[in-house]
N, C-alpha and C. Protein backbone atom coordinates (compact mmCIF):
# COMPACT_ATOMS: atom_id res chain seq x y z
N MET A 1 -8.28 -1.88 -14.30
CA MET A 1 -6.32 -1.50 -14.46
C MET A 1 -6.40 -1.55 -16.26
N TRP A 2 -7.01 -2.53 -16.49
CA TRP A 2 -7.15 -3.19 -18.07
C TRP A 2 -7.47 -1.98 -19.00
N THR A 3 -8.49 -1.28 -18.76
CA THR A 3 -9.39 -0.34 -19.37
C THR A 3 -8.62 1.33 -19.65
N GLY A 4 -7.84 1.11 -17.85
CA GLY A 4 -7.48 2.59 -17.71
C GLY A 4 -6.09 2.88 -18.77
N ARG A 5 -6.33 4.27 -18.64
CA ARG A 5 -5.24 5.15 -19.40
C ARG A 5 -3.78 4.92 -18.73
N TRP A 6 -4.16 4.30 -17.36
CA TRP A 6 -2.64 4.82 -16.96
C TRP A 6 -1.61 3.36 -17.37
N TRP A 7 -2.40 2.32 -17.66
CA TRP A 7 -1.11 1.17 -18.18
C TRP A 7 -0.77 1.89 -19.53
N ASN A 8 -1.38 2.37 -20.11
CA ASN A 8 -0.96 2.93 -21.66
C ASN A 8 -0.03 4.18 -21.87
N VAL A 9 0.13 5.09 -20.94
CA VAL A 9 0.92 5.90 -20.81
C VAL A 9 1.82 5.32 -20.11
N VAL A 10 2.00 4.72 -19.23
CA VAL A 10 3.44 4.10 -18.67
C VAL A 10 4.13 2.80 -19.59
N GLN A 11 3.06 2.21 -20.06
CA GLN A 11 4.00 1.38 -21.43
C GLN A 11 4.84 1.69 -22.28
N GLN A 12 4.30 3.09 -23.00
CA GLN A 12 4.73 3.68 -24.09
C GLN A 12 6.18 4.70 -23.32
N SER A 13 6.11 5.04 -22.27
CA SER A 13 7.44 5.82 -21.10
C SER A 13 8.54 4.66 -21.30
N LEU A 14 8.16 3.61 -21.38
CA LEU A 14 9.55 2.48 -20.85
C LEU A 14 10.24 2.15 -22.72
N PRO A 15 11.26 0.99 -22.18
CA PRO A 15 12.50 1.26 -23.71
C PRO A 15 11.67 0.60 -24.55
N GLU A 16 11.95 0.37 -25.68
CA GLU A 16 11.04 -0.68 -26.80
C GLU A 16 11.35 -2.26 -26.43
N GLY A 17 9.96 -2.62 -26.49
CA GLY A 17 10.30 -4.43 -26.26
C GLY A 17 10.11 -4.60 -24.65
N ALA A 18 9.90 -3.36 -23.99
CA ALA A 18 10.22 -3.59 -22.02
C ALA A 18 8.31 -3.60 -21.92
N SER A 19 8.10 -4.22 -21.04
CA SER A 19 6.96 -4.29 -20.60
C SER A 19 6.49 -3.88 -18.98
N VAL A 20 5.22 -3.59 -18.43
CA VAL A 20 5.07 -2.87 -17.34
C VAL A 20 4.29 -4.02 -16.67
N ALA A 21 4.60 -3.94 -15.34
CA ALA A 21 3.80 -5.76 -15.05
C ALA A 21 3.68 -4.64 -13.67
N PRO A 22 2.12 -3.94 -13.81
CA PRO A 22 1.32 -3.30 -12.93
C PRO A 22 1.35 -4.04 -10.93
N VAL A 23 1.95 -3.92 -10.03
CA VAL A 23 2.41 -4.76 -9.10
C VAL A 23 1.04 -4.11 -8.04
N ILE A 24 -0.03 -4.75 -7.20
CA ILE A 24 -0.93 -4.37 -6.45
C ILE A 24 -0.86 -5.29 -5.11
N ILE A 25 -1.16 -4.21 -4.21
CA ILE A 25 -0.09 -4.52 -2.60
C ILE A 25 -1.61 -4.38 -2.44
N SER A 26 -2.08 -5.19 -1.04
CA SER A 26 -3.40 -5.06 -0.71
C SER A 26 -3.25 -6.09 1.18
N THR A 27 -3.51 -5.18 1.94
CA THR A 27 -3.24 -5.21 3.39
C THR A 27 -4.60 -5.30 4.32
N ASP A 28 -4.90 -5.87 5.27
CA ASP A 28 -6.04 -5.63 5.62
C ASP A 28 -6.01 -6.89 7.13
N LYS A 29 -5.80 -6.12 8.64
CA LYS A 29 -5.48 -6.14 9.74
C LYS A 29 -6.47 -7.58 9.66
N THR A 30 -5.89 -8.69 10.44
CA THR A 30 -5.97 -9.93 10.53
C THR A 30 -5.71 -10.27 11.79
N GLN A 31 -6.64 -11.01 12.66
CA GLN A 31 -6.93 -11.48 14.06
C GLN A 31 -5.97 -13.03 13.62
N LEU A 32 -4.89 -12.88 14.73
CA LEU A 32 -4.18 -14.49 14.70
C LEU A 32 -4.41 -15.31 14.86
N THR A 33 -4.89 -15.30 16.78
CA THR A 33 -5.64 -15.33 17.26
C THR A 33 -6.73 -15.63 18.42
N GLN A 34 -7.86 -16.25 18.95
CA GLN A 34 -8.95 -15.55 19.37
C GLN A 34 -8.03 -16.37 21.05
N PHE A 35 -7.13 -16.92 21.23
CA PHE A 35 -6.96 -17.68 22.02
C PHE A 35 -5.90 -16.85 23.50
N SER A 36 -5.12 -16.54 22.83
CA SER A 36 -3.86 -15.90 23.80
C SER A 36 -3.99 -14.65 23.57
N GLY A 37 -4.57 -13.12 23.93
CA GLY A 37 -4.44 -11.87 23.90
C GLY A 37 -5.35 -11.29 22.71
N GLU A 38 -5.81 -12.04 21.92
CA GLU A 38 -5.88 -11.35 20.36
C GLU A 38 -5.25 -10.83 19.53
N LYS A 39 -3.81 -11.99 19.25
CA LYS A 39 -3.10 -10.71 18.75
C LYS A 39 -3.27 -10.41 17.20
N VAL A 40 -3.13 -9.56 16.95
CA VAL A 40 -3.63 -8.94 15.34
C VAL A 40 -2.48 -8.99 14.19
N ALA A 41 -2.28 -8.71 13.20
CA ALA A 41 -1.04 -8.24 12.78
C ALA A 41 -2.05 -7.65 11.00
N TYR A 42 -0.79 -7.38 10.32
CA TYR A 42 -1.40 -6.51 8.92
C TYR A 42 -0.08 -7.46 7.79
N PRO A 43 -1.16 -8.37 7.52
CA PRO A 43 -0.37 -9.33 6.19
C PRO A 43 -0.39 -8.58 5.05
N ILE A 44 0.60 -8.98 4.17
CA ILE A 44 1.02 -7.59 2.92
C ILE A 44 0.87 -8.25 1.85
N TYR A 45 0.31 -8.15 0.99
CA TYR A 45 0.10 -9.23 0.13
C TYR A 45 0.32 -8.76 -1.08
N LEU A 46 1.37 -9.03 -2.38
CA LEU A 46 1.44 -8.52 -3.47
C LEU A 46 1.21 -9.38 -4.69
N THR A 47 0.49 -8.88 -5.85
CA THR A 47 -0.03 -9.49 -7.15
C THR A 47 0.17 -8.86 -8.44
N LEU A 48 -0.05 -9.23 -9.23
CA LEU A 48 0.30 -8.42 -10.37
C LEU A 48 -0.91 -8.00 -11.38
N GLY A 49 -1.23 -7.09 -11.92
CA GLY A 49 -2.25 -6.28 -12.78
C GLY A 49 -2.45 -7.29 -13.45
N ASN A 50 -1.05 -7.61 -14.05
CA ASN A 50 -1.79 -8.31 -15.65
C ASN A 50 -1.93 -10.06 -15.40
N ILE A 51 -2.31 -10.45 -14.39
CA ILE A 51 -2.77 -11.77 -14.27
C ILE A 51 -4.25 -11.84 -14.40
N PRO A 52 -4.96 -12.72 -15.77
CA PRO A 52 -6.15 -12.76 -15.83
C PRO A 52 -7.09 -12.30 -15.01
N GLN A 53 -8.36 -12.30 -15.05
CA GLN A 53 -9.25 -11.87 -13.92
C GLN A 53 -9.48 -12.90 -13.06
N ALA A 54 -9.61 -14.45 -14.04
CA ALA A 54 -10.50 -15.11 -13.73
C ALA A 54 -9.19 -16.12 -13.05
N ILE A 55 -8.06 -15.81 -12.65
CA ILE A 55 -7.25 -16.65 -11.68
C ILE A 55 -6.83 -15.81 -11.04
N HIS A 56 -6.89 -14.83 -10.97
CA HIS A 56 -5.97 -14.31 -10.13
C HIS A 56 -6.39 -13.52 -8.61
N ARG A 57 -7.83 -14.03 -8.44
CA ARG A 57 -8.24 -14.43 -6.80
C ARG A 57 -8.59 -16.23 -6.15
N LYS A 58 -7.76 -16.52 -7.12
CA LYS A 58 -8.13 -18.30 -6.50
C LYS A 58 -6.44 -18.85 -5.95
N PRO A 59 -6.97 -18.72 -4.71
CA PRO A 59 -5.46 -19.55 -3.83
C PRO A 59 -4.72 -20.68 -4.53
N SER A 60 -5.27 -21.55 -4.96
CA SER A 60 -5.43 -22.20 -5.93
C SER A 60 -4.26 -22.08 -7.26
N GLN A 61 -4.15 -21.50 -7.46
CA GLN A 61 -3.65 -20.46 -8.72
C GLN A 61 -1.84 -20.21 -8.47
N ASN A 62 -1.82 -19.83 -6.98
CA ASN A 62 -0.51 -19.17 -6.37
C ASN A 62 -0.67 -17.45 -7.17
N THR A 63 -1.26 -16.76 -7.32
CA THR A 63 -0.98 -15.59 -8.37
C THR A 63 -0.59 -14.23 -7.34
N CYS A 64 -0.88 -14.44 -5.76
CA CYS A 64 -1.40 -13.78 -5.04
C CYS A 64 -0.32 -14.18 -3.56
N ILE A 65 0.89 -13.37 -3.75
CA ILE A 65 1.79 -13.78 -2.02
C ILE A 65 1.99 -12.96 -1.25
N LEU A 66 2.38 -13.24 -0.20
CA LEU A 66 2.81 -12.54 1.23
C LEU A 66 3.85 -12.48 1.42
N ILE A 67 4.13 -11.36 1.26
CA ILE A 67 5.46 -10.38 1.56
C ILE A 67 6.14 -10.17 2.89
N GLY A 68 5.19 -9.67 3.75
CA GLY A 68 5.27 -9.68 4.69
C GLY A 68 4.36 -9.92 5.83
N TYR A 69 4.55 -9.21 7.42
CA TYR A 69 3.57 -9.50 8.15
C TYR A 69 4.03 -7.75 9.25
N LEU A 70 3.49 -7.67 9.37
CA LEU A 70 3.32 -6.14 10.11
C LEU A 70 3.00 -6.28 11.51
N PRO A 71 3.26 -6.40 12.66
CA PRO A 71 2.93 -6.74 14.26
C PRO A 71 1.75 -5.31 14.48
N VAL A 72 0.77 -5.66 15.43
CA VAL A 72 0.48 -4.72 15.81
C VAL A 72 0.28 -4.48 17.18
N SER A 73 0.33 -3.81 18.47
CA SER A 73 1.28 -4.26 19.38
C SER A 73 -0.26 -3.07 19.93
N LYS A 74 -0.98 -3.55 21.10
CA LYS A 74 -1.69 -2.64 21.95
C LYS A 74 -1.39 -1.76 23.05
N ASP A 75 0.34 -2.56 23.73
CA ASP A 75 1.25 -1.85 23.89
C ASP A 75 1.72 -0.88 23.77
N VAL A 76 0.91 -0.04 22.37
CA VAL A 76 2.32 0.91 21.47
C VAL A 76 1.78 2.49 22.57
N GLY A 77 2.85 2.82 23.28
CA GLY A 77 2.80 4.24 24.10
C GLY A 77 2.31 3.92 25.18
N LYS A 78 2.36 3.47 26.15
CA LYS A 78 1.18 3.72 27.09
C LYS A 78 1.29 4.99 27.87
N ASN A 79 2.35 5.76 27.87
CA ASN A 79 2.29 7.40 28.24
C ASN A 79 2.06 7.79 27.53
N LEU A 80 1.07 7.84 26.57
CA LEU A 80 0.88 9.15 25.73
C LEU A 80 0.02 9.23 25.00
N THR A 81 -0.70 10.35 24.87
CA THR A 81 -2.18 11.08 24.20
C THR A 81 -2.64 9.86 23.34
N GLN A 82 -3.44 9.47 22.82
CA GLN A 82 -4.35 9.23 21.58
C GLN A 82 -3.81 9.91 20.32
N LYS A 83 -3.88 11.04 20.05
CA LYS A 83 -3.31 11.61 19.12
C LYS A 83 -1.70 11.11 19.05
N GLN A 84 -0.75 11.32 20.12
CA GLN A 84 0.36 10.98 19.67
C GLN A 84 0.68 9.39 19.61
N ARG A 85 -0.19 8.51 20.35
CA ARG A 85 -0.22 6.62 20.22
C ARG A 85 -0.41 6.79 18.82
N SER A 86 -1.41 7.33 18.05
CA SER A 86 -1.83 7.61 16.70
C SER A 86 -0.59 7.89 15.61
N THR A 87 -0.38 8.82 16.35
CA THR A 87 0.63 9.32 15.18
C THR A 87 2.30 8.38 15.20
N HIS A 88 2.08 7.80 15.87
CA HIS A 88 3.35 6.49 16.18
C HIS A 88 3.37 5.45 15.21
N ILE A 89 1.50 5.52 15.50
CA ILE A 89 1.28 3.70 15.04
C ILE A 89 1.48 4.10 13.29
N GLN A 90 0.54 5.39 12.93
CA GLN A 90 1.23 5.63 11.60
C GLN A 90 2.49 5.52 11.14
N GLN A 91 3.18 5.81 11.93
CA GLN A 91 4.68 6.37 11.25
C GLN A 91 5.52 4.86 11.49
N LEU A 92 5.14 3.97 12.05
CA LEU A 92 5.69 2.62 12.37
C LEU A 92 4.99 2.16 10.97
N PHE A 93 4.17 2.27 10.84
CA PHE A 93 3.31 1.87 9.17
C PHE A 93 4.05 1.92 8.00
N HIS A 94 4.08 3.57 8.14
CA HIS A 94 4.97 3.59 7.08
C HIS A 94 6.18 3.69 6.43
N ASN A 95 7.04 3.72 8.07
CA ASN A 95 8.74 3.52 8.14
C ASN A 95 8.65 1.76 7.37
N SER A 96 7.73 1.07 8.41
CA SER A 96 7.69 -0.57 7.96
C SER A 96 7.24 -0.67 6.27
N MET A 97 6.63 -0.31 5.88
CA MET A 97 5.69 -0.61 4.27
C MET A 97 7.02 -0.30 3.48
N ARG A 98 7.82 1.18 3.94
CA ARG A 98 8.77 1.66 3.13
C ARG A 98 10.17 0.42 2.82
N LEU A 99 10.36 -0.10 4.14
CA LEU A 99 11.20 -0.92 4.24
C LEU A 99 10.86 -2.55 3.41
N ILE A 100 9.68 -2.48 3.62
CA ILE A 100 9.00 -3.70 2.32
C ILE A 100 9.08 -3.59 1.11
N LEU A 101 8.99 -2.04 1.39
CA LEU A 101 8.47 -1.94 -0.66
C LEU A 101 9.67 -1.35 -1.49
N GLU A 102 10.79 -1.62 -0.34
CA GLU A 102 12.03 -0.33 -0.81
C GLU A 102 12.71 -1.33 -2.88
N PRO A 103 12.56 -2.73 -2.30
CA PRO A 103 13.14 -2.83 -3.39
C PRO A 103 12.17 -3.04 -4.96
N LEU A 104 11.05 -2.28 -4.67
CA LEU A 104 10.44 -2.06 -6.01
C LEU A 104 10.29 -0.97 -6.70
N ILE A 105 10.94 -0.19 -5.64
CA ILE A 105 11.67 1.26 -6.25
C ILE A 105 12.68 0.98 -7.62
N THR A 106 13.61 0.23 -6.95
CA THR A 106 14.69 0.63 -8.01
C THR A 106 14.25 -0.82 -8.97
N ALA A 107 13.85 -1.91 -9.02
CA ALA A 107 13.12 -2.55 -10.09
C ALA A 107 11.85 -1.93 -10.94
N GLY A 108 11.43 -0.70 -10.85
CA GLY A 108 10.29 -0.31 -10.98
C GLY A 108 11.21 1.21 -11.90
N LYS A 109 12.33 1.32 -11.28
CA LYS A 109 12.79 2.47 -12.18
C LYS A 109 13.89 2.13 -13.78
N GLU A 110 14.55 0.85 -13.39
CA GLU A 110 15.32 0.04 -13.88
C GLU A 110 15.21 -1.14 -14.52
N GLY A 111 14.31 -1.34 -14.08
CA GLY A 111 13.74 -2.80 -14.59
C GLY A 111 14.41 -3.64 -14.64
N MET A 112 14.40 -5.12 -14.37
CA MET A 112 14.74 -6.38 -14.10
C MET A 112 14.50 -7.88 -15.38
N GLU A 113 15.06 -8.10 -15.49
CA GLU A 113 15.14 -9.14 -16.55
C GLU A 113 14.16 -10.20 -16.04
N VAL A 114 13.38 -10.73 -16.57
CA VAL A 114 12.38 -11.90 -16.08
C VAL A 114 12.45 -13.25 -17.62
N THR A 115 12.61 -14.04 -16.98
CA THR A 115 12.46 -15.18 -18.00
C THR A 115 10.67 -15.81 -17.56
N GLY A 116 10.13 -15.47 -19.18
CA GLY A 116 8.80 -15.92 -19.10
C GLY A 116 8.35 -17.32 -19.54
N GLY A 117 7.65 -18.04 -19.76
CA GLY A 117 7.21 -19.35 -19.19
C GLY A 117 7.04 -20.10 -20.42
N ASP A 118 7.99 -19.05 -21.56
CA ASP A 118 8.54 -19.48 -22.81
C ASP A 118 9.83 -19.61 -22.86
N GLY A 119 9.89 -19.45 -22.03
CA GLY A 119 11.53 -19.50 -22.13
C GLY A 119 12.30 -18.41 -22.47
N LYS A 120 11.83 -17.50 -23.11
CA LYS A 120 12.49 -16.29 -23.38
C LYS A 120 13.22 -14.64 -22.12
N VAL A 121 13.63 -14.54 -22.35
CA VAL A 121 13.85 -13.35 -21.28
C VAL A 121 13.64 -12.01 -21.75
N ARG A 122 12.73 -11.16 -20.62
CA ARG A 122 12.16 -9.83 -20.96
C ARG A 122 12.16 -9.07 -19.96
N LEU A 123 12.56 -7.93 -20.46
CA LEU A 123 12.93 -6.16 -19.53
C LEU A 123 11.51 -6.31 -19.03
N VAL A 124 11.21 -5.98 -17.65
CA VAL A 124 9.59 -6.02 -17.19
C VAL A 124 10.21 -4.93 -16.02
N PHE A 125 9.03 -3.86 -16.02
CA PHE A 125 9.28 -2.67 -14.75
C PHE A 125 8.41 -2.96 -13.95
N PRO A 126 8.46 -3.67 -12.59
CA PRO A 126 7.49 -3.65 -11.49
C PRO A 126 6.66 -2.34 -10.67
N ILE A 127 5.94 -1.57 -11.39
CA ILE A 127 5.63 -0.32 -10.94
C ILE A 127 4.57 -0.91 -10.17
N LEU A 128 4.63 0.11 -8.52
CA LEU A 128 2.74 -0.09 -8.05
C LEU A 128 1.87 0.87 -9.01
N ALA A 129 0.74 -0.01 -8.99
CA ALA A 129 -0.79 0.72 -9.81
C ALA A 129 -1.87 0.93 -8.55
N CYS A 130 -1.55 -0.13 -7.49
CA CYS A 130 -2.62 -0.22 -6.24
C CYS A 130 -2.28 -0.31 -5.74
N TYR A 131 -3.24 0.04 -4.68
CA TYR A 131 -3.03 -0.74 -3.25
C TYR A 131 -4.41 -0.52 -2.75
N VAL A 132 -5.03 -1.97 -2.16
CA VAL A 132 -5.99 -2.28 -2.19
C VAL A 132 -6.34 -2.04 -0.70
N ALA A 133 -7.64 -1.75 -0.05
CA ALA A 133 -7.61 -1.36 1.58
C ALA A 133 -8.71 -1.39 2.02
N ASP A 134 -8.98 -1.48 2.89
CA ASP A 134 -10.78 -1.47 3.62
C ASP A 134 -10.56 0.16 4.09
N TYR A 135 -11.27 0.71 4.46
CA TYR A 135 -11.96 1.73 5.28
C TYR A 135 -11.07 2.25 6.65
N PRO A 136 -10.43 1.42 7.52
CA PRO A 136 -9.24 1.91 8.23
C PRO A 136 -7.59 1.64 7.99
N GLU A 137 -7.83 0.71 6.95
CA GLU A 137 -6.48 0.65 5.90
C GLU A 137 -5.93 2.16 5.36
N GLN A 138 -7.33 2.11 4.81
CA GLN A 138 -6.89 3.62 3.84
C GLN A 138 -6.97 4.91 4.77
N CYS A 139 -7.50 5.23 5.76
CA CYS A 139 -7.30 5.78 6.47
C CYS A 139 -5.40 5.80 7.37
N LEU A 140 -5.09 4.66 7.42
CA LEU A 140 -4.06 4.43 8.16
C LEU A 140 -2.72 4.88 6.79
N VAL A 141 -3.33 4.53 5.76
CA VAL A 141 -2.08 4.93 4.59
C VAL A 141 -1.72 6.25 4.20
N THR A 142 -3.42 6.79 4.59
CA THR A 142 -3.23 8.13 3.87
C THR A 142 -3.32 9.26 5.12
N CYS A 143 -2.39 8.89 6.38
CA CYS A 143 -2.42 9.64 7.45
C CYS A 143 -3.81 10.38 7.47
N ALA A 144 -5.14 9.71 7.05
CA ALA A 144 -6.52 10.63 7.30
C ALA A 144 -6.72 9.98 8.67
N LYS A 145 -7.44 11.19 9.55
CA LYS A 145 -8.42 10.96 10.74
C LYS A 145 -9.53 9.89 10.41
N TYR A 146 -9.36 9.32 11.60
CA TYR A 146 -10.67 8.04 11.30
C TYR A 146 -12.10 8.90 11.35
N GLY A 147 -12.79 8.29 10.39
CA GLY A 147 -14.41 9.53 10.32
C GLY A 147 -14.21 10.45 9.01
N THR A 148 -12.96 10.95 8.53
CA THR A 148 -12.89 11.58 7.68
C THR A 148 -12.35 10.87 6.53
N CYS A 149 -12.83 11.29 5.40
CA CYS A 149 -12.51 10.70 3.58
C CYS A 149 -11.29 10.89 3.58
N PRO A 150 -10.47 9.44 3.31
CA PRO A 150 -8.75 9.53 2.99
C PRO A 150 -9.01 9.95 1.40
N ARG A 151 -9.60 10.18 0.61
CA ARG A 151 -9.72 10.18 -0.58
C ARG A 151 -9.41 11.96 -1.06
N CYS A 152 -10.28 12.80 0.17
CA CYS A 152 -10.31 13.91 -0.26
C CYS A 152 -10.35 15.06 0.92
N MET A 153 -10.20 16.03 1.11
CA MET A 153 -10.19 16.90 1.75
C MET A 153 -11.12 17.49 2.84
N SER A 154 -12.08 16.67 2.65
CA SER A 154 -13.72 17.28 3.31
C SER A 154 -13.48 16.61 4.58
N GLY A 155 -13.91 17.57 5.48
CA GLY A 155 -13.94 17.64 6.89
C GLY A 155 -14.10 15.97 7.58
N SER A 156 -15.52 15.92 7.67
CA SER A 156 -16.03 14.03 7.52
C SER A 156 -17.13 13.76 6.69
N LEU A 157 -16.93 12.53 6.69
CA LEU A 157 -17.97 11.51 6.10
C LEU A 157 -18.99 11.86 5.67
N GLY A 158 -19.52 12.23 6.55
CA GLY A 158 -21.25 13.13 6.47
C GLY A 158 -21.31 14.16 5.92
N ASP A 159 -20.04 14.74 5.35
CA ASP A 159 -19.64 16.52 4.55
C ASP A 159 -20.90 15.72 3.18
N ARG A 160 -21.79 16.77 2.64
CA ARG A 160 -22.28 16.60 1.05
C ARG A 160 -21.79 16.47 0.35
N GLY A 161 -20.95 15.78 -0.67
CA GLY A 161 -20.35 16.09 -1.46
C GLY A 161 -18.84 15.70 -1.44
N PRO A 162 -18.27 15.05 -2.31
CA PRO A 162 -16.81 15.31 -2.35
C PRO A 162 -16.04 16.57 -1.64
N GLY A 163 -15.20 16.77 -0.72
CA GLY A 163 -14.51 18.00 -1.22
C GLY A 163 -13.00 17.87 -2.32
N PRO A 164 -12.04 18.87 -2.19
CA PRO A 164 -11.02 18.66 -2.97
C PRO A 164 -10.22 17.31 -3.16
N PRO A 165 -9.48 16.77 -4.02
CA PRO A 165 -8.83 15.41 -4.28
C PRO A 165 -7.25 15.72 -3.07
N CYS A 166 -7.63 14.69 -2.34
CA CYS A 166 -6.13 14.79 -1.63
C CYS A 166 -4.99 14.60 -2.51
N THR A 167 -4.06 15.26 -2.39
CA THR A 167 -2.79 14.67 -3.66
C THR A 167 -1.94 14.13 -2.56
N GLN A 168 -1.03 13.51 -3.20
CA GLN A 168 0.01 12.45 -2.97
C GLN A 168 1.12 13.80 -1.85
N GLN A 169 0.75 14.84 -2.41
CA GLN A 169 1.57 16.17 -1.57
C GLN A 169 1.17 16.20 -0.45
N ASP A 170 -0.08 16.49 -0.29
CA ASP A 170 -1.21 16.63 1.09
C ASP A 170 -0.63 15.35 1.92
N THR A 171 -0.84 14.12 1.09
CA THR A 171 -0.04 12.53 1.93
C THR A 171 1.22 13.20 2.60
N LEU A 172 2.52 13.44 1.51
CA LEU A 172 3.68 13.24 1.84
C LEU A 172 3.98 14.46 3.33
N SER A 173 3.55 15.85 3.40
CA SER A 173 3.38 16.66 4.34
C SER A 173 2.36 16.46 5.62
N THR A 174 1.80 15.48 5.48
CA THR A 174 1.18 14.90 6.52
C THR A 174 2.06 13.73 7.12
N ILE A 175 2.86 13.03 6.50
CA ILE A 175 4.09 12.09 7.01
C ILE A 175 5.05 12.87 7.25
N LEU A 176 5.83 13.79 6.83
CA LEU A 176 6.66 14.69 7.72
C LEU A 176 6.47 15.52 9.02
N ILE A 177 5.39 15.96 9.08
CA ILE A 177 5.04 16.25 9.83
C ILE A 177 4.58 15.32 11.23
N THR A 178 4.03 13.96 10.80
CA THR A 178 4.15 12.80 11.62
C THR A 178 5.02 12.85 12.12
N GLU A 179 6.26 12.77 10.92
CA GLU A 179 7.76 12.37 11.88
C GLU A 179 8.25 12.81 12.71
N ALA A 180 8.20 14.46 12.67
CA ALA A 180 8.13 15.79 13.64
C ALA A 180 8.03 15.21 14.76
N ALA A 181 6.47 14.79 15.08
CA ALA A 181 5.67 14.65 16.29
C ALA A 181 6.25 13.66 17.07
N THR A 182 6.73 12.89 15.74
CA THR A 182 7.43 11.61 16.64
C THR A 182 8.77 11.59 17.15
N SER A 183 9.23 12.63 16.29
CA SER A 183 10.75 12.57 16.88
C SER A 183 10.93 12.96 18.21
N GLU A 184 9.73 14.38 17.92
CA GLU A 184 9.70 15.08 19.56
C GLU A 184 9.33 14.10 20.98
N ALA A 185 8.23 13.21 20.93
CA ALA A 185 7.88 12.28 21.59
C ALA A 185 8.79 11.81 22.61
């Protein structure tokens, strides 16, 4: 993030004196207990890209905060087909993430005043810059079928070379199709 062009492009689009706060979101399905039914959840963590790399991964530095838990139920859609069940889980995940991250949209567009460690108040724009996830979560976030590439339009992970990149519009289209299929079920 520090060496990418994205940061400079976004910073230049902000008002004079304002700063971008690149937000990094991460999820990873976690087993909550081994003793009572193997309960699992998706913890959602938030950190900022302008925190020095030397400290941002250290729990003792409190640079990463838990902003929510998304429960995972194995009982979802017992009378649904596997495809309908998968669609339902994807839709539930996206709706939940939309609710949790909704305050970030306004703050990213309008900015927010933040008091720094030196006591000065600055206008900061927290903007989602990165979503860190392992392969199963990448498939969930992009609405890609497990076993396919969540980043491109190739048929499967075994295909030679990358296919054309998957765009934001492709994912949005899949989400809208998923919403329509879920409302019919």
